[in-house]
Amino acid sequence: MAGLVAGFDKASEVVRHEHEAINSELSELEACLKALVCYSEVYADLSPVERLDRCGRRLQTTLPEHFRNEESTIFVDLETAFPRLQSFVQQMKRQHSDLQAGFDQFCHVLDEVDESNDVEQTICDLKQTGLDFTRAMMAHIATEESGLGGFAR
């Protein structure tokens, strides 16, 4: 059990650092999304979209890796040491899947901006899918941190 605790402590510390980095990226993404204007006659500066694209590309690498890391380390440890937490772990895994789907939808809309015939609608869709994702991801991280907080040393 001591080996499990030491491994869990190390893995949970890594996850906390990942959460900090992801939250920072999400804050930047949210700020870029809030800067978007959904009126085609006003919207001429593509710099917010370019910043969104950079954030999105970084998260495309970071998120799947983070989800795999959690699921293969701390979630396995939690289920092994505390079988009663299986439902929490399964809920977090489902949220990973849902969050990835929401992020994929955001990336799809982001990819459509340059080719869109209706820039106003695409920007509105981009803003909404992006804000929905960032809020859900931030809430997910807060839930994990709250749930894991009771097990960290």
C-alpha atoms as a PDB file:
ATOM      1  CA  MET A   1       0.000   0.000   0.000  1.00  0.00           C
ATOM      2  CA  ALA A   2       2.914   2.378   0.711  1.00  0.00           C
ATOM      3  CA  GLY A   3       4.131   1.954  -2.874  1.00  0.00           C
ATOM      4  CA  LEU A   4       0.644   2.724  -4.139  1.00  0.00           C
ATOM      5  CA  VAL A   5       0.468   5.885  -2.015  1.00  0.00           C
ATOM      6  CA  ALA A   6       3.888   7.090  -3.198  1.00  0.00           C
ATOM      7  CA  GLY A   7       2.979   6.413  -6.834  1.00  0.00           C
ATOM      8  CA  PHE A   8      -0.378   8.090  -6.415  1.00  0.00           C
ATOM      9  CA  ASP A   9       1.165  11.151  -4.769  1.00  0.00           C
ATOM     10  CA  LYS A  10       3.645  11.545  -7.617  1.00  0.00           C
ATOM     11  CA  ALA A  11       1.004  10.992 -10.320  1.00  0.00           C
ATOM     12  CA  SER A  12      -1.451  13.375  -8.648  1.00  0.00           C
ATOM     13  CA  GLU A  13       1.241  16.064  -8.503  1.00  0.00           C
ATOM     14  CA  VAL A  14       1.853  15.652 -12.246  1.00  0.00           C
ATOM     15  CA  VAL A  15      -1.897  15.878 -12.890  1.00  0.00           C
ATOM     16  CA  ARG A  16      -2.150  19.035 -10.791  1.00  0.00           C
ATOM     17  CA  HIS A  17       0.589  20.660 -12.866  1.00  0.00           C
ATOM     18  CA  GLU A  18      -1.217  19.588 -16.031  1.00  0.00           C
ATOM     19  CA  HIS A  19      -4.443  21.072 -14.666  1.00  0.00           C
ATOM     20  CA  GLU A  20      -2.674  24.383 -14.004  1.00  0.00           C
ATOM     21  CA  ALA A  21      -1.283  24.476 -17.545  1.00  0.00           C
ATOM     22  CA  ILE A  22      -4.626  23.532 -19.085  1.00  0.00           C
ATOM     23  CA  ASN A  23      -6.483  26.111 -16.987  1.00  0.00           C
ATOM     24  CA  SER A  24      -4.034  28.752 -18.185  1.00  0.00           C
ATOM     25  CA  GLU A  25      -4.639  27.718 -21.793  1.00  0.00           C
ATOM     26  CA  LEU A  26      -8.411  27.697 -21.213  1.00  0.00           C
ATOM     27  CA  SER A  27      -8.269  31.215 -19.755  1.00  0.00           C
ATOM     28  CA  GLU A  28      -6.467  32.437 -22.866  1.00  0.00           C
ATOM     29  CA  LEU A  29      -8.954  30.611 -25.080  1.00  0.00           C
ATOM     30  CA  GLU A  30     -11.870  32.134 -23.181  1.00  0.00           C
ATOM     31  CA  ALA A  31     -10.413  35.653 -23.475  1.00  0.00           C
ATOM     32  CA  CYS A  32      -9.980  35.194 -27.236  1.00  0.00           C
ATOM     33  CA  LEU A  33     -13.539  33.919 -27.576  1.00  0.00           C
ATOM     34  CA  LYS A  34     -14.939  36.846 -25.631  1.00  0.00           C
ATOM     35  CA  ALA A  35     -13.048  39.209 -27.966  1.00  0.00           C
ATOM     36  CA  LEU A  36     -14.867  37.817 -31.000  1.00  0.00           C
ATOM     37  CA  VAL A  37     -17.710  39.878 -32.430  1.00  0.00           C
ATOM     38  CA  CYS A  38     -20.581  38.096 -34.170  1.00  0.00           C
ATOM     39  CA  TYR A  39     -21.329  40.832 -36.703  1.00  0.00           C
ATOM     40  CA  SER A  40     -19.864  40.327 -40.137  1.00  0.00           C
ATOM     41  CA  GLU A  41     -19.745  44.045 -40.932  1.00  0.00           C
ATOM     42  CA  VAL A  42     -17.717  44.680 -37.765  1.00  0.00           C
ATOM     43  CA  TYR A  43     -15.602  41.554 -37.882  1.00  0.00           C
ATOM     44  CA  ALA A  44     -12.598  42.221 -40.066  1.00  0.00           C
ATOM     45  CA  ASP A  45      -9.636  41.458 -37.843  1.00  0.00           C
ATOM     46  CA  LEU A  46      -8.769  37.761 -37.928  1.00  0.00           C
ATOM     47  CA  SER A  47      -6.192  38.059 -35.147  1.00  0.00           C
ATOM     48  CA  PRO A  48      -8.567  36.668 -32.471  1.00  0.00           C
ATOM     49  CA  VAL A  49      -9.212  33.653 -34.718  1.00  0.00           C
ATOM     50  CA  GLU A  50      -5.491  33.204 -35.252  1.00  0.00           C
ATOM     51  CA  ARG A  51      -4.940  33.277 -31.476  1.00  0.00           C
ATOM     52  CA  LEU A  52      -7.801  30.795 -31.042  1.00  0.00           C
ATOM     53  CA  ASP A  53      -6.194  28.558 -33.623  1.00  0.00           C
ATOM     54  CA  ARG A  54      -2.872  28.608 -31.742  1.00  0.00           C
ATOM     55  CA  CYS A  55      -4.603  27.807 -28.436  1.00  0.00           C
ATOM     56  CA  GLY A  56      -6.653  25.099 -30.097  1.00  0.00           C
ATOM     57  CA  ARG A  57      -3.612  23.466 -31.664  1.00  0.00           C
ATOM     58  CA  ARG A  58      -1.818  23.371 -28.316  1.00  0.00           C
ATOM     59  CA  LEU A  59      -4.862  21.843 -26.633  1.00  0.00           C
ATOM     60  CA  GLN A  60      -5.219  19.261 -29.415  1.00  0.00           C
ATOM     61  CA  THR A  61      -1.983  17.749 -28.149  1.00  0.00           C
ATOM     62  CA  THR A  62      -2.348  18.476 -24.452  1.00  0.00           C
ATOM     63  CA  LEU A  63      -5.888  17.264 -23.762  1.00  0.00           C
ATOM     64  CA  PRO A  64      -5.789  13.694 -25.114  1.00  0.00           C
ATOM     65  CA  GLU A  65      -2.398  13.201 -23.466  1.00  0.00           C
ATOM     66  CA  HIS A  66      -3.712  14.561 -20.167  1.00  0.00           C
ATOM     67  CA  PHE A  67      -6.821  12.370 -20.277  1.00  0.00           C
ATOM     68  CA  ARG A  68      -4.709   9.263 -21.009  1.00  0.00           C
ATOM     69  CA  ASN A  69      -2.324  10.163 -18.203  1.00  0.00           C
ATOM     70  CA  GLU A  70      -5.118  10.513 -15.638  1.00  0.00           C
ATOM     71  CA  GLU A  71      -6.871   7.362 -16.750  1.00  0.00           C
ATOM     72  CA  SER A  72      -3.714   5.238 -16.740  1.00  0.00           C
ATOM     73  CA  THR A  73      -2.279   6.515 -13.449  1.00  0.00           C
ATOM     74  CA  ILE A  74      -4.373   8.112 -10.730  1.00  0.00           C
ATOM     75  CA  PHE A  75      -7.698   6.651 -11.846  1.00  0.00           C
ATOM     76  CA  VAL A  76      -6.262   3.123 -11.831  1.00  0.00           C
ATOM     77  CA  ASP A  77      -4.720   3.766  -8.412  1.00  0.00           C
ATOM     78  CA  LEU A  78      -7.988   5.139  -7.026  1.00  0.00           C
ATOM     79  CA  GLU A  79     -10.014   2.186  -8.262  1.00  0.00           C
ATOM     80  CA  THR A  80      -7.439  -0.244  -6.882  1.00  0.00           C
ATOM     81  CA  ALA A  81      -7.088   1.352  -3.458  1.00  0.00           C
ATOM     82  CA  PHE A  82     -10.664   2.598  -3.074  1.00  0.00           C
ATOM     83  CA  PRO A  83     -13.176   0.442  -4.989  1.00  0.00           C
ATOM     84  CA  ARG A  84     -16.011   2.653  -3.695  1.00  0.00           C
ATOM     85  CA  LEU A  85     -14.644   5.419  -5.960  1.00  0.00           C
ATOM     86  CA  GLN A  86     -15.246   3.410  -9.112  1.00  0.00           C
ATOM     87  CA  SER A  87     -18.379   5.425  -9.890  1.00  0.00           C
ATOM     88  CA  PHE A  88     -16.451   8.741  -9.544  1.00  0.00           C
ATOM     89  CA  VAL A  89     -13.679   7.417 -11.805  1.00  0.00           C
ATOM     90  CA  GLN A  90     -16.176   6.190 -14.400  1.00  0.00           C
ATOM     91  CA  GLN A  91     -17.944   9.556 -14.329  1.00  0.00           C
ATOM     92  CA  MET A  92     -14.631  11.365 -14.916  1.00  0.00           C
ATOM     93  CA  LYS A  93     -13.806   9.032 -17.821  1.00  0.00           C
ATOM     94  CA  ARG A  94     -17.220   9.701 -19.386  1.00  0.00           C
ATOM     95  CA  GLN A  95     -16.610  13.405 -18.973  1.00  0.00           C
ATOM     96  CA  HIS A  96     -13.243  12.995 -20.710  1.00  0.00           C
ATOM     97  CA  SER A  97     -15.028  11.471 -23.665  1.00  0.00           C
ATOM     98  CA  ASP A  98     -17.707  14.186 -23.699  1.00  0.00           C
ATOM     99  CA  LEU A  99     -15.131  16.946 -23.311  1.00  0.00           C
ATOM    100  CA  GLN A 100     -13.042  15.547 -26.147  1.00  0.00           C
ATOM    101  CA  ALA A 101     -16.148  15.475 -28.356  1.00  0.00           C
ATOM    102  CA  GLY A 102     -16.952  19.088 -27.437  1.00  0.00           C
ATOM    103  CA  PHE A 103     -13.394  20.149 -28.134  1.00  0.00           C
ATOM    104  CA  ASP A 104     -13.411  18.300 -31.463  1.00  0.00           C
ATOM    105  CA  GLN A 105     -16.600  20.172 -32.409  1.00  0.00           C
ATOM    106  CA  PHE A 106     -14.939  23.478 -31.511  1.00  0.00           C
ATOM    107  CA  CYS A 107     -11.905  22.582 -33.672  1.00  0.00           C
ATOM    108  CA  HIS A 108     -14.207  21.623 -36.542  1.00  0.00           C
ATOM    109  CA  VAL A 109     -15.929  25.022 -36.426  1.00  0.00           C
ATOM    110  CA  LEU A 110     -12.546  26.743 -36.080  1.00  0.00           C
ATOM    111  CA  ASP A 111     -11.365  24.966 -39.233  1.00  0.00           C
ATOM    112  CA  GLU A 112     -14.465  26.228 -41.087  1.00  0.00           C
ATOM    113  CA  VAL A 113     -13.882  29.934 -40.418  1.00  0.00           C
ATOM    114  CA  ASP A 114     -11.674  30.533 -43.474  1.00  0.00           C
ATOM    115  CA  GLU A 115     -14.011  28.660 -45.818  1.00  0.00           C
ATOM    116  CA  SER A 116     -17.303  29.925 -44.469  1.00  0.00           C
ATOM    117  CA  ASN A 117     -19.878  31.587 -46.690  1.00  0.00           C
ATOM    118  CA  ASP A 118     -21.540  33.005 -43.576  1.00  0.00           C
ATOM    119  CA  VAL A 119     -18.712  34.383 -41.440  1.00  0.00           C
ATOM    120  CA  GLU A 120     -21.119  35.953 -38.948  1.00  0.00           C
ATOM    121  CA  GLN A 121     -22.835  32.626 -38.190  1.00  0.00           C
ATOM    122  CA  THR A 122     -19.569  30.699 -38.122  1.00  0.00           C
ATOM    123  CA  ILE A 123     -18.063  33.179 -35.645  1.00  0.00           C
ATOM    124  CA  CYS A 124     -21.177  32.933 -33.471  1.00  0.00           C
ATOM    125  CA  ASP A 125     -20.956  29.118 -33.611  1.00  0.00           C
ATOM    126  CA  LEU A 126     -17.230  29.248 -32.851  1.00  0.00           C
ATOM    127  CA  LYS A 127     -17.779  31.510 -29.880  1.00  0.00           C
ATOM    128  CA  GLN A 128     -20.596  29.362 -28.475  1.00  0.00           C
ATOM    129  CA  THR A 129     -18.896  25.979 -28.928  1.00  0.00           C
ATOM    130  CA  GLY A 130     -15.661  27.373 -27.539  1.00  0.00           C
ATOM    131  CA  LEU A 131     -17.261  28.950 -24.478  1.00  0.00           C
ATOM    132  CA  ASP A 132     -19.307  25.805 -23.838  1.00  0.00           C
ATOM    133  CA  PHE A 133     -16.140  23.726 -23.986  1.00  0.00           C
ATOM    134  CA  THR A 134     -14.002  26.024 -21.824  1.00  0.00           C
ATOM    135  CA  ARG A 135     -16.665  26.244 -19.120  1.00  0.00           C
ATOM    136  CA  ALA A 136     -17.226  22.482 -19.113  1.00  0.00           C
ATOM    137  CA  MET A 137     -13.494  21.765 -19.022  1.00  0.00           C
ATOM    138  CA  MET A 138     -12.882  24.227 -16.187  1.00  0.00           C
ATOM    139  CA  ALA A 139     -15.771  22.703 -14.209  1.00  0.00           C
ATOM    140  CA  HIS A 140     -14.393  19.207 -14.874  1.00  0.00           C
ATOM    141  CA  ILE A 141     -10.953  20.170 -13.587  1.00  0.00           C
ATOM    142  CA  ALA A 142     -12.509  21.731 -10.480  1.00  0.00           C
ATOM    143  CA  THR A 143     -14.475  18.521  -9.861  1.00  0.00           C
ATOM    144  CA  GLU A 144     -11.372  16.383 -10.244  1.00  0.00           C
ATOM    145  CA  GLU A 145      -9.324  18.640  -7.990  1.00  0.00           C
ATOM    146  CA  SER A 146     -12.055  18.553  -5.372  1.00  0.00           C
ATOM    147  CA  GLY A 147     -12.342  14.775  -5.625  1.00  0.00           C
ATOM    148  CA  LEU A 148      -8.598  14.207  -5.587  1.00  0.00           C
ATOM    149  CA  GLY A 149      -7.963  16.738  -2.838  1.00  0.00           C
ATOM    150  CA  GLY A 150      -9.098  14.283  -0.208  1.00  0.00           C
ATOM    151  CA  PHE A 151      -6.490  11.744  -1.304  1.00  0.00           C
ATOM    152  CA  ALA A 152      -3.435  13.943  -1.767  1.00  0.00           C
ATOM    153  CA  ARG A 153      -0.931  14.019   1.016  1.00  0.00           C
END
